Amino acid sequence: MNRTAMIVDDSLFMRKILCAILTENGYTVIAEAASGIEAMKNLHSSHPDLILLDIILPDSSGLDLLTSLITTCPASKVVICSAIGQEQVTKKALELGAMAFIQKPFTPETVTDVLKSLGD
């Protein structure tokens, strides 16, 4: 089954790394966004199976955006991928509906393990 993904991260370097890992795990990256506004625009034309979301974005908080993404595209699984690993931030993201939290910096194996834990 062809699974689709969108990566929301203001770092082009990080988007490229995540894109490579997702591709290796059978995902097709159908959208990338460097900001919250760009992410919401992309959701109007694509409904990815998976959204990888950073918390620190230039125009919005990833936690605020998480709620909007889930409301707009409830079938998408959202995984937070952030350097902010404070316990209260992680807990809040999971309470808001994130399926998992990947701490930056990460290894490809860590991302792969999270993807496998999500199932299809």
PDB file of N, CA and C in Angstrom:
ATOM      1  N   MET A   1       0.837  -1.187   0.000  1.00  0.00           N
ATOM      2  CA  MET A   1       0.000   0.000   0.000  1.00  0.00           C
ATOM      3  C   MET A   1       0.881   1.250   0.000  1.00  0.00           C
ATOM      4  N   ASN A   2       0.542   2.210  -0.838  1.00  0.00           N
ATOM      5  CA  ASN A   2       1.309   3.443  -0.929  1.00  0.00           C
ATOM      6  C   ASN A   2       0.829   4.417   0.140  1.00  0.00           C
ATOM      7  N   ARG A   3       1.695   4.721   1.094  1.00  0.00           N
ATOM      8  CA  ARG A   3       1.360   5.646   2.163  1.00  0.00           C
ATOM      9  C   ARG A   3       1.964   7.005   1.843  1.00  0.00           C
ATOM     10  N   THR A   4       1.231   8.057   2.184  1.00  0.00           N
ATOM     11  CA  THR A   4       1.674   9.402   1.863  1.00  0.00           C
ATOM     12  C   THR A   4       2.033  10.172   3.135  1.00  0.00           C
ATOM     13  N   ALA A   5       2.890  11.178   2.965  1.00  0.00           N
ATOM     14  CA  ALA A   5       3.327  11.961   4.113  1.00  0.00           C
ATOM     15  C   ALA A   5       3.535  13.424   3.739  1.00  0.00           C
ATOM     16  N   MET A   6       3.397  14.262   4.763  1.00  0.00           N
ATOM     17  CA  MET A   6       3.751  15.674   4.656  1.00  0.00           C
ATOM     18  C   MET A   6       4.726  15.976   5.793  1.00  0.00           C
ATOM     19  N   ILE A   7       5.765  16.746   5.489  1.00  0.00           N
ATOM     20  CA  ILE A   7       6.755  17.138   6.485  1.00  0.00           C
ATOM     21  C   ILE A   7       6.626  18.637   6.725  1.00  0.00           C
ATOM     22  N   VAL A   8       6.427  19.014   7.993  1.00  0.00           N
ATOM     23  CA  VAL A   8       6.313  20.423   8.359  1.00  0.00           C
ATOM     24  C   VAL A   8       7.489  20.766   9.273  1.00  0.00           C
ATOM     25  N   ASP A   9       8.474  21.450   8.699  1.00  0.00           N
ATOM     26  CA  ASP A   9       9.677  21.824   9.451  1.00  0.00           C
ATOM     27  C   ASP A   9      10.300  23.018   8.735  1.00  0.00           C
ATOM     28  N   ASP A  10      10.724  24.028   9.486  1.00  0.00           N
ATOM     29  CA  ASP A  10      11.288  25.209   8.839  1.00  0.00           C
ATOM     30  C   ASP A  10      12.706  24.990   8.318  1.00  0.00           C
ATOM     31  N   SER A  11      13.329  23.865   8.665  1.00  0.00           N
ATOM     32  CA  SER A  11      14.675  23.555   8.201  1.00  0.00           C
ATOM     33  C   SER A  11      14.635  22.674   6.949  1.00  0.00           C
ATOM     34  N   LEU A  12      15.134  23.211   5.841  1.00  0.00           N
ATOM     35  CA  LEU A  12      15.202  22.444   4.596  1.00  0.00           C
ATOM     36  C   LEU A  12      16.050  21.192   4.792  1.00  0.00           C
ATOM     37  N   PHE A  13      17.159  21.329   5.514  1.00  0.00           N
ATOM     38  CA  PHE A  13      18.036  20.198   5.797  1.00  0.00           C
ATOM     39  C   PHE A  13      17.271  19.075   6.508  1.00  0.00           C
ATOM     40  N   MET A  14      16.486  19.430   7.516  1.00  0.00           N
ATOM     41  CA  MET A  14      15.718  18.428   8.264  1.00  0.00           C
ATOM     42  C   MET A  14      14.640  17.797   7.376  1.00  0.00           C
ATOM     43  N   ARG A  15      13.997  18.597   6.535  1.00  0.00           N
ATOM     44  CA  ARG A  15      12.978  18.043   5.632  1.00  0.00           C
ATOM     45  C   ARG A  15      13.605  17.028   4.681  1.00  0.00           C
ATOM     46  N   LYS A  16      14.810  17.315   4.182  1.00  0.00           N
ATOM     47  CA  LYS A  16      15.478  16.381   3.273  1.00  0.00           C
ATOM     48  C   LYS A  16      15.825  15.069   3.982  1.00  0.00           C
ATOM     49  N   ILE A  17      16.316  15.153   5.210  1.00  0.00           N
ATOM     50  CA  ILE A  17      16.644  13.941   5.975  1.00  0.00           C
ATOM     51  C   ILE A  17      15.386  13.112   6.218  1.00  0.00           C
ATOM     52  N   LEU A  18      14.330  13.776   6.683  1.00  0.00           N
ATOM     53  CA  LEU A  18      13.081  13.056   6.959  1.00  0.00           C
ATOM     54  C   LEU A  18      12.474  12.473   5.682  1.00  0.00           C
ATOM     55  N   CYS A  19      12.576  13.212   4.587  1.00  0.00           N
ATOM     56  CA  CYS A  19      12.056  12.723   3.307  1.00  0.00           C
ATOM     57  C   CYS A  19      12.763  11.426   2.914  1.00  0.00           C
ATOM     58  N   ALA A  20      14.077  11.379   3.065  1.00  0.00           N
ATOM     59  CA  ALA A  20      14.841  10.176   2.721  1.00  0.00           C
ATOM     60  C   ALA A  20      14.426   8.996   3.608  1.00  0.00           C
ATOM     61  N   ILE A  21      14.263   9.237   4.896  1.00  0.00           N
ATOM     62  CA  ILE A  21      13.871   8.158   5.818  1.00  0.00           C
ATOM     63  C   ILE A  21      12.464   7.665   5.498  1.00  0.00           C
ATOM     64  N   LEU A  22      11.552   8.588   5.250  1.00  0.00           N
ATOM     65  CA  LEU A  22      10.179   8.203   4.913  1.00  0.00           C
ATOM     66  C   LEU A  22      10.143   7.385   3.621  1.00  0.00           C
ATOM     67  N   THR A  23      10.886   7.831   2.614  1.00  0.00           N
ATOM     68  CA  THR A  23      10.926   7.126   1.332  1.00  0.00           C
ATOM     69  C   THR A  23      11.452   5.703   1.512  1.00  0.00           C
ATOM     70  N   GLU A  24      12.501   5.563   2.324  1.00  0.00           N
ATOM     71  CA  GLU A  24      13.052   4.232   2.599  1.00  0.00           C
ATOM     72  C   GLU A  24      12.043   3.322   3.300  1.00  0.00           C
ATOM     73  N   ASN A  25      11.070   3.930   3.972  1.00  0.00           N
ATOM     74  CA  ASN A  25      10.064   3.164   4.703  1.00  0.00           C
ATOM     75  C   ASN A  25       8.738   3.055   3.951  1.00  0.00           C
ATOM     76  N   GLY A  26       8.775   3.324   2.651  1.00  0.00           N
ATOM     77  CA  GLY A  26       7.597   3.100   1.819  1.00  0.00           C
ATOM     78  C   GLY A  26       6.610   4.244   1.735  1.00  0.00           C
ATOM     79  N   TYR A  27       6.986   5.404   2.211  1.00  0.00           N
ATOM     80  CA  TYR A  27       6.099   6.569   2.119  1.00  0.00           C
ATOM     81  C   TYR A  27       6.448   7.404   0.889  1.00  0.00           C
ATOM     82  N   THR A  28       5.449   8.068   0.337  1.00  0.00           N
ATOM     83  CA  THR A  28       5.649   9.059  -0.703  1.00  0.00           C
ATOM     84  C   THR A  28       5.390  10.411  -0.062  1.00  0.00           C
ATOM     85  N   VAL A  29       6.400  11.270  -0.059  1.00  0.00           N
ATOM     86  CA  VAL A  29       6.235  12.603   0.517  1.00  0.00           C
ATOM     87  C   VAL A  29       5.540  13.463  -0.530  1.00  0.00           C
ATOM     88  N   ILE A  30       4.287  13.798  -0.254  1.00  0.00           N
ATOM     89  CA  ILE A  30       3.477  14.535  -1.226  1.00  0.00           C
ATOM     90  C   ILE A  30       3.464  16.037  -0.959  1.00  0.00           C
ATOM     91  N   ALA A  31       3.970  16.445   0.224  1.00  0.00           N
ATOM     92  CA  ALA A  31       4.005  17.877   0.532  1.00  0.00           C
ATOM     93  C   ALA A  31       5.057  18.153   1.595  1.00  0.00           C
ATOM     94  N   GLU A  32       5.650  19.333   1.479  1.00  0.00           N
ATOM     95  CA  GLU A  32       6.571  19.836   2.497  1.00  0.00           C
ATOM     96  C   GLU A  32       6.141  21.257   2.812  1.00  0.00           C
ATOM     97  N   ALA A  33       6.335  21.652   4.068  1.00  0.00           N
ATOM     98  CA  ALA A  33       5.976  23.003   4.470  1.00  0.00           C
ATOM     99  C   ALA A  33       7.019  23.529   5.443  1.00  0.00           C
ATOM    100  N   ALA A  34       7.358  24.806   5.286  1.00  0.00           N
ATOM    101  CA  ALA A  34       8.334  25.439   6.172  1.00  0.00           C
ATOM    102  C   ALA A  34       7.651  26.310   7.216  1.00  0.00           C
ATOM    103  N   SER A  35       6.314  26.377   7.156  1.00  0.00           N
ATOM    104  CA  SER A  35       5.574  27.214   8.095  1.00  0.00           C
ATOM    105  C   SER A  35       4.182  26.627   8.317  1.00  0.00           C
ATOM    106  N   GLY A  36       3.511  27.150   9.321  1.00  0.00           N
ATOM    107  CA  GLY A  36       2.154  26.702   9.603  1.00  0.00           C
ATOM    108  C   GLY A  36       1.187  27.071   8.494  1.00  0.00           C
ATOM    109  N   ILE A  37       1.333  28.288   7.963  1.00  0.00           N
ATOM    110  CA  ILE A  37       0.448  28.731   6.874  1.00  0.00           C
ATOM    111  C   ILE A  37       0.617  27.826   5.664  1.00  0.00           C
ATOM    112  N   GLU A  38       1.855  27.509   5.323  1.00  0.00           N
ATOM    113  CA  GLU A  38       2.132  26.634   4.188  1.00  0.00           C
ATOM    114  C   GLU A  38       1.555  25.234   4.431  1.00  0.00           C
ATOM    115  N   ALA A  39       1.658  24.743   5.654  1.00  0.00           N
ATOM    116  CA  ALA A  39       1.120  23.421   5.980  1.00  0.00           C
ATOM    117  C   ALA A  39      -0.390  23.383   5.771  1.00  0.00           C
ATOM    118  N   MET A  40      -1.091  24.407   6.250  1.00  0.00           N
ATOM    119  CA  MET A  40      -2.549  24.428   6.106  1.00  0.00           C
ATOM    120  C   MET A  40      -2.957  24.560   4.639  1.00  0.00           C
ATOM    121  N   LYS A  41      -2.192  25.333   3.852  1.00  0.00           N
ATOM    122  CA  LYS A  41      -2.480  25.444   2.418  1.00  0.00           C
ATOM    123  C   LYS A  41      -2.321  24.082   1.745  1.00  0.00           C
ATOM    124  N   ASN A  42      -1.275  23.347   2.121  1.00  0.00           N
ATOM    125  CA  ASN A  42      -1.036  22.028   1.532  1.00  0.00           C
ATOM    126  C   ASN A  42      -2.166  21.053   1.851  1.00  0.00           C
ATOM    127  N   LEU A  43      -2.760  21.173   3.031  1.00  0.00           N
ATOM    128  CA  LEU A  43      -3.834  20.251   3.395  1.00  0.00           C
ATOM    129  C   LEU A  43      -5.074  20.424   2.532  1.00  0.00           C
ATOM    130  N   HIS A  44      -5.224  21.595   1.928  1.00  0.00           N
ATOM    131  CA  HIS A  44      -6.379  21.807   1.056  1.00  0.00           C
ATOM    132  C   HIS A  44      -6.271  21.012  -0.243  1.00  0.00           C
ATOM    133  N   SER A  45      -5.038  20.663  -0.632  1.00  0.00           N
ATOM    134  CA  SER A  45      -4.868  19.913  -1.879  1.00  0.00           C
ATOM    135  C   SER A  45      -4.396  18.480  -1.647  1.00  0.00           C
ATOM    136  N   SER A  46      -3.982  18.172  -0.437  1.00  0.00           N
ATOM    137  CA  SER A  46      -3.519  16.812  -0.163  1.00  0.00           C
ATOM    138  C   SER A  46      -3.952  16.404   1.240  1.00  0.00           C
ATOM    139  N   HIS A  47      -4.231  15.141   1.393  1.00  0.00           N
ATOM    140  CA  HIS A  47      -4.609  14.602   2.701  1.00  0.00           C
ATOM    141  C   HIS A  47      -3.675  13.433   2.999  1.00  0.00           C
ATOM    142  N   PRO A  48      -2.500  13.741   3.561  1.00  0.00           N
ATOM    143  CA  PRO A  48      -1.504  12.699   3.784  1.00  0.00           C
ATOM    144  C   PRO A  48      -1.908  11.729   4.891  1.00  0.00           C
ATOM    145  N   ASP A  49      -1.396  10.522   4.793  1.00  0.00           N
ATOM    146  CA  ASP A  49      -1.623   9.528   5.841  1.00  0.00           C
ATOM    147  C   ASP A  49      -0.859   9.897   7.105  1.00  0.00           C
ATOM    148  N   LEU A  50       0.296  10.554   6.927  1.00  0.00           N
ATOM    149  CA  LEU A  50       1.185  10.891   8.032  1.00  0.00           C
ATOM    150  C   LEU A  50       1.661  12.332   7.892  1.00  0.00           C
ATOM    151  N   ILE A  51       1.706  13.038   9.029  1.00  0.00           N
ATOM    152  CA  ILE A  51       2.270  14.390   9.057  1.00  0.00           C
ATOM    153  C   ILE A  51       3.347  14.414  10.138  1.00  0.00           C
ATOM    154  N   LEU A  52       4.575  14.758   9.737  1.00  0.00           N
ATOM    155  CA  LEU A  52       5.656  14.963  10.694  1.00  0.00           C
ATOM    156  C   LEU A  52       5.718  16.461  10.964  1.00  0.00           C
ATOM    157  N   LEU A  53       5.596  16.848  12.216  1.00  0.00           N
ATOM    158  CA  LEU A  53       5.413  18.246  12.582  1.00  0.00           C
ATOM    159  C   LEU A  53       6.442  18.710  13.607  1.00  0.00           C
ATOM    160  N   ASP A  54       7.140  19.787  13.271  1.00  0.00           N
ATOM    161  CA  ASP A  54       8.057  20.424  14.218  1.00  0.00           C
ATOM    162  C   ASP A  54       7.236  21.338  15.130  1.00  0.00           C
ATOM    163  N   ILE A  55       7.747  21.616  16.323  1.00  0.00           N
ATOM    164  CA  ILE A  55       7.024  22.494  17.248  1.00  0.00           C
ATOM    165  C   ILE A  55       7.369  23.956  17.013  1.00  0.00           C
ATOM    166  N   ILE A  56       8.634  24.236  16.722  1.00  0.00           N
ATOM    167  CA  ILE A  56       9.052  25.620  16.512  1.00  0.00           C
ATOM    168  C   ILE A  56       8.981  25.953  15.020  1.00  0.00           C
ATOM    169  N   LEU A  57       8.025  26.809  14.668  1.00  0.00           N
ATOM    170  CA  LEU A  57       7.849  27.251  13.284  1.00  0.00           C
ATOM    171  C   LEU A  57       7.875  28.774  13.260  1.00  0.00           C
ATOM    172  N   PRO A  58       8.241  29.368  12.134  1.00  0.00           N
ATOM    173  CA  PRO A  58       8.395  30.823  12.107  1.00  0.00           C
ATOM    174  C   PRO A  58       7.100  31.604  12.328  1.00  0.00           C
ATOM    175  N   ASP A  59       5.962  31.007  12.018  1.00  0.00           N
ATOM    176  CA  ASP A  59       4.709  31.756  12.096  1.00  0.00           C
ATOM    177  C   ASP A  59       3.690  31.184  13.077  1.00  0.00           C
ATOM    178  N   SER A  60       4.023  30.083  13.727  1.00  0.00           N
ATOM    179  CA  SER A  60       3.047  29.488  14.639  1.00  0.00           C
ATOM    180  C   SER A  60       3.712  28.468  15.547  1.00  0.00           C
ATOM    181  N   SER A  61       2.993  28.107  16.575  1.00  0.00           N
ATOM    182  CA  SER A  61       3.438  27.036  17.451  1.00  0.00           C
ATOM    183  C   SER A  61       2.970  25.716  16.854  1.00  0.00           C
ATOM    184  N   GLY A  62       3.849  24.746  16.834  1.00  0.00           N
ATOM    185  CA  GLY A  62       3.467  23.432  16.328  1.00  0.00           C
ATOM    186  C   GLY A  62       2.327  22.823  17.135  1.00  0.00           C
ATOM    187  N   LEU A  63       2.253  23.151  18.427  1.00  0.00           N
ATOM    188  CA  LEU A  63       1.159  22.618  19.249  1.00  0.00           C
ATOM    189  C   LEU A  63      -0.182  23.216  18.820  1.00  0.00           C
ATOM    190  N   ASP A  64      -0.208  24.518  18.505  1.00  0.00           N
ATOM    191  CA  ASP A  64      -1.441  25.123  17.995  1.00  0.00           C
ATOM    192  C   ASP A  64      -1.785  24.556  16.627  1.00  0.00           C
ATOM    193  N   LEU A  65      -0.775  24.392  15.800  1.00  0.00           N
ATOM    194  CA  LEU A  65      -0.980  23.853  14.460  1.00  0.00           C
ATOM    195  C   LEU A  65      -1.466  22.409  14.519  1.00  0.00           C
ATOM    196  N   LEU A  66      -0.993  21.656  15.498  1.00  0.00           N
ATOM    197  CA  LEU A  66      -1.416  20.259  15.669  1.00  0.00           C
ATOM    198  C   LEU A  66      -2.929  20.157  15.741  1.00  0.00           C
ATOM    199  N   THR A  67      -3.546  21.005  16.543  1.00  0.00           N
ATOM    200  CA  THR A  67      -5.004  20.993  16.685  1.00  0.00           C
ATOM    201  C   THR A  67      -5.682  21.282  15.345  1.00  0.00           C
ATOM    202  N   SER A  68      -5.170  22.265  14.618  1.00  0.00           N
ATOM    203  CA  SER A  68      -5.745  22.609  13.309  1.00  0.00           C
ATOM    204  C   SER A  68      -5.583  21.475  12.309  1.00  0.00           C
ATOM    205  N   LEU A  69      -4.413  20.841  12.308  1.00  0.00           N
ATOM    206  CA  LEU A  69      -4.172  19.730  11.378  1.00  0.00           C
ATOM    207  C   LEU A  69      -5.119  18.572  11.647  1.00  0.00           C
ATOM    208  N   ILE A  70      -5.295  18.242  12.908  1.00  0.00           N
ATOM    209  CA  ILE A  70      -6.170  17.122  13.269  1.00  0.00           C
ATOM    210  C   ILE A  70      -7.625  17.435  12.925  1.00  0.00           C
ATOM    211  N   THR A  71      -8.034  18.680  13.145  1.00  0.00           N
ATOM    212  CA  THR A  71      -9.401  19.087  12.819  1.00  0.00           C
ATOM    213  C   THR A  71      -9.630  19.052  11.307  1.00  0.00           C
ATOM    214  N   THR A  72      -8.653  19.569  10.549  1.00  0.00           N
ATOM    215  CA  THR A  72      -8.777  19.650   9.090  1.00  0.00           C
ATOM    216  C   THR A  72      -8.646  18.294   8.420  1.00  0.00           C
ATOM    217  N   CYS A  73      -7.780  17.459   8.947  1.00  0.00           N
ATOM    218  CA  CYS A  73      -7.492  16.169   8.314  1.00  0.00           C
ATOM    219  C   CYS A  73      -7.444  15.072   9.389  1.00  0.00           C
ATOM    220  N   PRO A  74      -8.603  14.704   9.934  1.00  0.00           N
ATOM    221  CA  PRO A  74      -8.632  13.778  11.069  1.00  0.00           C
ATOM    222  C   PRO A  74      -8.096  12.372  10.777  1.00  0.00           C
ATOM    223  N   ALA A  75      -8.030  11.985   9.520  1.00  0.00           N
ATOM    224  CA  ALA A  75      -7.524  10.649   9.185  1.00  0.00           C
ATOM    225  C   ALA A  75      -6.000  10.588   9.202  1.00  0.00           C
ATOM    226  N   SER A  76      -5.353  11.747   9.193  1.00  0.00           N
ATOM    227  CA  SER A  76      -3.885  11.784   9.199  1.00  0.00           C
ATOM    228  C   SER A  76      -3.345  11.500  10.595  1.00  0.00           C
ATOM    229  N   LYS A  77      -2.257  10.739  10.632  1.00  0.00           N
ATOM    230  CA  LYS A  77      -1.551  10.509  11.892  1.00  0.00           C
ATOM    231  C   LYS A  77      -0.463  11.581  11.998  1.00  0.00           C
ATOM    232  N   VAL A  78      -0.454  12.307  13.105  1.00  0.00           N
ATOM    233  CA  VAL A  78       0.520  13.376  13.292  1.00  0.00           C
ATOM    234  C   VAL A  78       1.569  12.926  14.296  1.00  0.00           C
ATOM    235  N   VAL A  79       2.837  13.061  13.909  1.00  0.00           N
ATOM    236  CA  VAL A  79       3.959  12.738  14.775  1.00  0.00           C
ATOM    237  C   VAL A  79       4.775  14.015  14.953  1.00  0.00           C
ATOM    238  N   ILE A  80       4.990  14.397  16.210  1.00  0.00           N
ATOM    239  CA  ILE A  80       5.821  15.561  16.504  1.00  0.00           C
ATOM    240  C   ILE A  80       7.286  15.148  16.375  1.00  0.00           C
ATOM    241  N   CYS A  81       8.061  15.995  15.719  1.00  0.00           N
ATOM    242  CA  CYS A  81       9.491  15.743  15.547  1.00  0.00           C
ATOM    243  C   CYS A  81      10.201  17.040  15.909  1.00  0.00           C
ATOM    244  N   SER A  82      10.723  17.110  17.144  1.00  0.00           N
ATOM    245  CA  SER A  82      11.220  18.381  17.635  1.00  0.00           C
ATOM    246  C   SER A  82      12.405  18.234  18.578  1.00  0.00           C
ATOM    247  N   ALA A  83      13.200  19.296  18.653  1.00  0.00           N
ATOM    248  CA  ALA A  83      14.316  19.340  19.604  1.00  0.00           C
ATOM    249  C   ALA A  83      13.824  19.699  20.997  1.00  0.00           C
ATOM    250  N   ILE A  84      12.606  20.227  21.085  1.00  0.00           N
ATOM    251  CA  ILE A  84      12.042  20.555  22.394  1.00  0.00           C
ATOM    252  C   ILE A  84      11.473  19.274  22.986  1.00  0.00           C
ATOM    253  N   GLY A  85      12.228  18.695  23.909  1.00  0.00           N
ATOM    254  CA  GLY A  85      11.823  17.415  24.482  1.00  0.00           C
ATOM    255  C   GLY A  85      11.379  17.516  25.921  1.00  0.00           C
ATOM    256  N   GLN A  86      11.016  18.723  26.347  1.00  0.00           N
ATOM    257  CA  GLN A  86      10.561  18.883  27.720  1.00  0.00           C
ATOM    258  C   GLN A  86       9.330  18.028  27.951  1.00  0.00           C
ATOM    259  N   GLU A  87       9.291  17.403  29.101  1.00  0.00           N
ATOM    260  CA  GLU A  87       8.217  16.454  29.391  1.00  0.00           C
ATOM    261  C   GLU A  87       6.832  17.075  29.236  1.00  0.00           C
ATOM    262  N   GLN A  88       6.649  18.325  29.687  1.00  0.00           N
ATOM    263  CA  GLN A  88       5.317  18.929  29.590  1.00  0.00           C
ATOM    264  C   GLN A  88       4.922  19.183  28.137  1.00  0.00           C
ATOM    265  N   VAL A  89       5.894  19.485  27.277  1.00  0.00           N
ATOM    266  CA  VAL A  89       5.602  19.706  25.856  1.00  0.00           C
ATOM    267  C   VAL A  89       5.215  18.381  25.197  1.00  0.00           C
ATOM    268  N   THR A  90       5.976  17.341  25.492  1.00  0.00           N
ATOM    269  CA  THR A  90       5.666  16.013  24.955  1.00  0.00           C
ATOM    270  C   THR A  90       4.281  15.572  25.398  1.00  0.00           C
ATOM    271  N   LYS A  91       4.002  15.719  26.671  1.00  0.00           N
ATOM    272  CA  LYS A  91       2.703  15.313  27.229  1.00  0.00           C
ATOM    273  C   LYS A  91       1.562  16.088  26.574  1.00  0.00           C
ATOM    274  N   LYS A  92       1.738  17.401  26.420  1.00  0.00           N
ATOM    275  CA  LYS A  92       0.710  18.241  25.809  1.00  0.00           C
ATOM    276  C   LYS A  92       0.458  17.821  24.357  1.00  0.00           C
ATOM    277  N   ALA A  93       1.526  17.544  23.608  1.00  0.00           N
ATOM    278  CA  ALA A  93       1.380  17.124  22.211  1.00  0.00           C
ATOM    279  C   ALA A  93       0.576  15.821  22.122  1.00  0.00           C
ATOM    280  N   LEU A  94       0.866  14.879  22.992  1.00  0.00           N
ATOM    281  CA  LEU A  94       0.144  13.606  22.978  1.00  0.00           C
ATOM    282  C   LEU A  94      -1.303  13.802  23.413  1.00  0.00           C
ATOM    283  N   GLU A  95      -1.542  14.687  24.381  1.00  0.00           N
ATOM    284  CA  GLU A  95      -2.916  14.985  24.816  1.00  0.00           C
ATOM    285  C   GLU A  95      -3.725  15.617  23.692  1.00  0.00           C
ATOM    286  N   LEU A  96      -3.065  16.431  22.876  1.00  0.00           N
ATOM    287  CA  LEU A  96      -3.752  17.111  21.770  1.00  0.00           C
ATOM    288  C   LEU A  96      -4.016  16.196  20.581  1.00  0.00           C
ATOM    289  N   GLY A  97      -3.424  14.992  20.597  1.00  0.00           N
ATOM    290  CA  GLY A  97      -3.720  14.046  19.524  1.00  0.00           C
ATOM    291  C   GLY A  97      -2.547  13.549  18.716  1.00  0.00           C
ATOM    292  N   ALA A  98      -1.336  13.991  19.038  1.00  0.00           N
ATOM    293  CA  ALA A  98      -0.171  13.452  18.332  1.00  0.00           C
ATOM    294  C   ALA A  98      -0.057  11.966  18.636  1.00  0.00           C
ATOM    295  N   MET A  99       0.363  11.196  17.646  1.00  0.00           N
ATOM    296  CA  MET A  99       0.481   9.742  17.805  1.00  0.00           C
ATOM    297  C   MET A  99       1.807   9.340  18.454  1.00  0.00           C
ATOM    298  N   ALA A 100       2.835  10.207  18.302  1.00  0.00           N
ATOM    299  CA  ALA A 100       4.162   9.892  18.844  1.00  0.00           C
ATOM    300  C   ALA A 100       4.988  11.165  18.870  1.00  0.00           C
ATOM    301  N   PHE A 101       6.141  11.082  19.535  1.00  0.00           N
ATOM    302  CA  PHE A 101       7.055  12.206  19.649  1.00  0.00           C
ATOM    303  C   PHE A 101       8.463  11.706  19.340  1.00  0.00           C
ATOM    304  N   ILE A 102       9.097  12.304  18.344  1.00  0.00           N
ATOM    305  CA  ILE A 102      10.476  11.957  17.989  1.00  0.00           C
ATOM    306  C   ILE A 102      11.364  13.109  18.432  1.00  0.00           C
ATOM    307  N   GLN A 103      12.318  12.801  19.291  1.00  0.00           N
ATOM    308  CA  GLN A 103      13.237  13.813  19.820  1.00  0.00           C
ATOM    309  C   GLN A 103      14.387  14.048  18.833  1.00  0.00           C
ATOM    310  N   LYS A 104      14.631  15.318  18.464  1.00  0.00           N
ATOM    311  CA  LYS A 104      15.795  15.673  17.655  1.00  0.00           C
ATOM    312  C   LYS A 104      16.972  15.889  18.597  1.00  0.00           C
ATOM    313  N   PRO A 105      18.175  15.563  18.248  1.00  0.00           N
ATOM    314  CA  PRO A 105      18.540  14.819  17.037  1.00  0.00           C
ATOM    315  C   PRO A 105      18.127  13.354  17.175  1.00  0.00           C
ATOM    316  N   PHE A 106      17.838  12.747  16.058  1.00  0.00           N
ATOM    317  CA  PHE A 106      17.373  11.359  16.042  1.00  0.00           C
ATOM    318  C   PHE A 106      18.234  10.542  15.095  1.00  0.00           C
ATOM    319  N   THR A 107      18.089   9.241  15.190  1.00  0.00           N
ATOM    320  CA  THR A 107      18.735   8.349  14.224  1.00  0.00           C
ATOM    321  C   THR A 107      17.664   7.876  13.248  1.00  0.00           C
ATOM    322  N   PRO A 108      18.059   7.469  12.050  1.00  0.00           N
ATOM    323  CA  PRO A 108      17.071   6.914  11.123  1.00  0.00           C
ATOM    324  C   PRO A 108      16.309   5.737  11.740  1.00  0.00           C
ATOM    325  N   GLU A 109      16.996   4.956  12.570  1.00  0.00           N
ATOM    326  CA  GLU A 109      16.357   3.795  13.205  1.00  0.00           C
ATOM    327  C   GLU A 109      15.237   4.227  14.150  1.00  0.00           C
ATOM    328  N   THR A 110      15.446   5.344  14.848  1.00  0.00           N
ATOM    329  CA  THR A 110      14.411   5.845  15.752  1.00  0.00           C
ATOM    330  C   THR A 110      13.150   6.205  14.966  1.00  0.00           C
ATOM    331  N   VAL A 111      13.326   6.908  13.866  1.00  0.00           N
ATOM    332  CA  VAL A 111      12.177   7.299  13.035  1.00  0.00           C
ATOM    333  C   VAL A 111      11.500   6.058  12.482  1.00  0.00           C
ATOM    334  N   THR A 112      12.285   5.110  11.990  1.00  0.00           N
ATOM    335  CA  THR A 112      11.734   3.866  11.446  1.00  0.00           C
ATOM    336  C   THR A 112      10.926   3.116  12.503  1.00  0.00           C
ATOM    337  N   ASP A 113      11.440   3.055  13.728  1.00  0.00           N
ATOM    338  CA  ASP A 113      10.719   2.378  14.801  1.00  0.00           C
ATOM    339  C   ASP A 113       9.378   3.046  15.086  1.00  0.00           C
ATOM    340  N   VAL A 114       9.352   4.377  15.082  1.00  0.00           N
ATOM    341  CA  VAL A 114       8.101   5.088  15.305  1.00  0.00           C
ATOM    342  C   VAL A 114       7.126   4.817  14.159  1.00  0.00           C
ATOM    343  N   LEU A 115       7.614   4.847  12.921  1.00  0.00           N
ATOM    344  CA  LEU A 115       6.752   4.572  11.771  1.00  0.00           C
ATOM    345  C   LEU A 115       6.147   3.172  11.865  1.00  0.00           C
ATOM    346  N   LYS A 116       6.953   2.207  12.249  1.00  0.00           N
ATOM    347  CA  LYS A 116       6.452   0.837  12.398  1.00  0.00           C
ATOM    348  C   LYS A 116       5.427   0.744  13.508  1.00  0.00           C
ATOM    349  N   SER A 117       5.615   1.497  14.581  1.00  0.00           N
ATOM    350  CA  SER A 117       4.672   1.450  15.703  1.00  0.00           C
ATOM    351  C   SER A 117       3.302   2.028  15.333  1.00  0.00           C
ATOM    352  N   LEU A 118       3.255   2.872  14.300  1.00  0.00           N
ATOM    353  CA  LEU A 118       2.002   3.467  13.877  1.00  0.00           C
ATOM    354  C   LEU A 118       1.122   2.473  13.116  1.00  0.00           C
ATOM    355  N   GLY A 119       1.757   1.458  12.542  1.00  0.00           N
ATOM    356  CA  GLY A 119       1.001   0.491  11.727  1.00  0.00           C
ATOM    357  C   GLY A 119       0.527   1.141  10.445  1.00  0.00           C
ATOM    358  N   ASP A 120      -0.348   0.470   9.746  1.00  0.00           N
ATOM    359  CA  ASP A 120      -0.854   1.015   8.468  1.00  0.00           C
ATOM    360  C   ASP A 120      -2.257   1.508   8.588  1.00  0.00           C
TER     361      ASP A 120
END
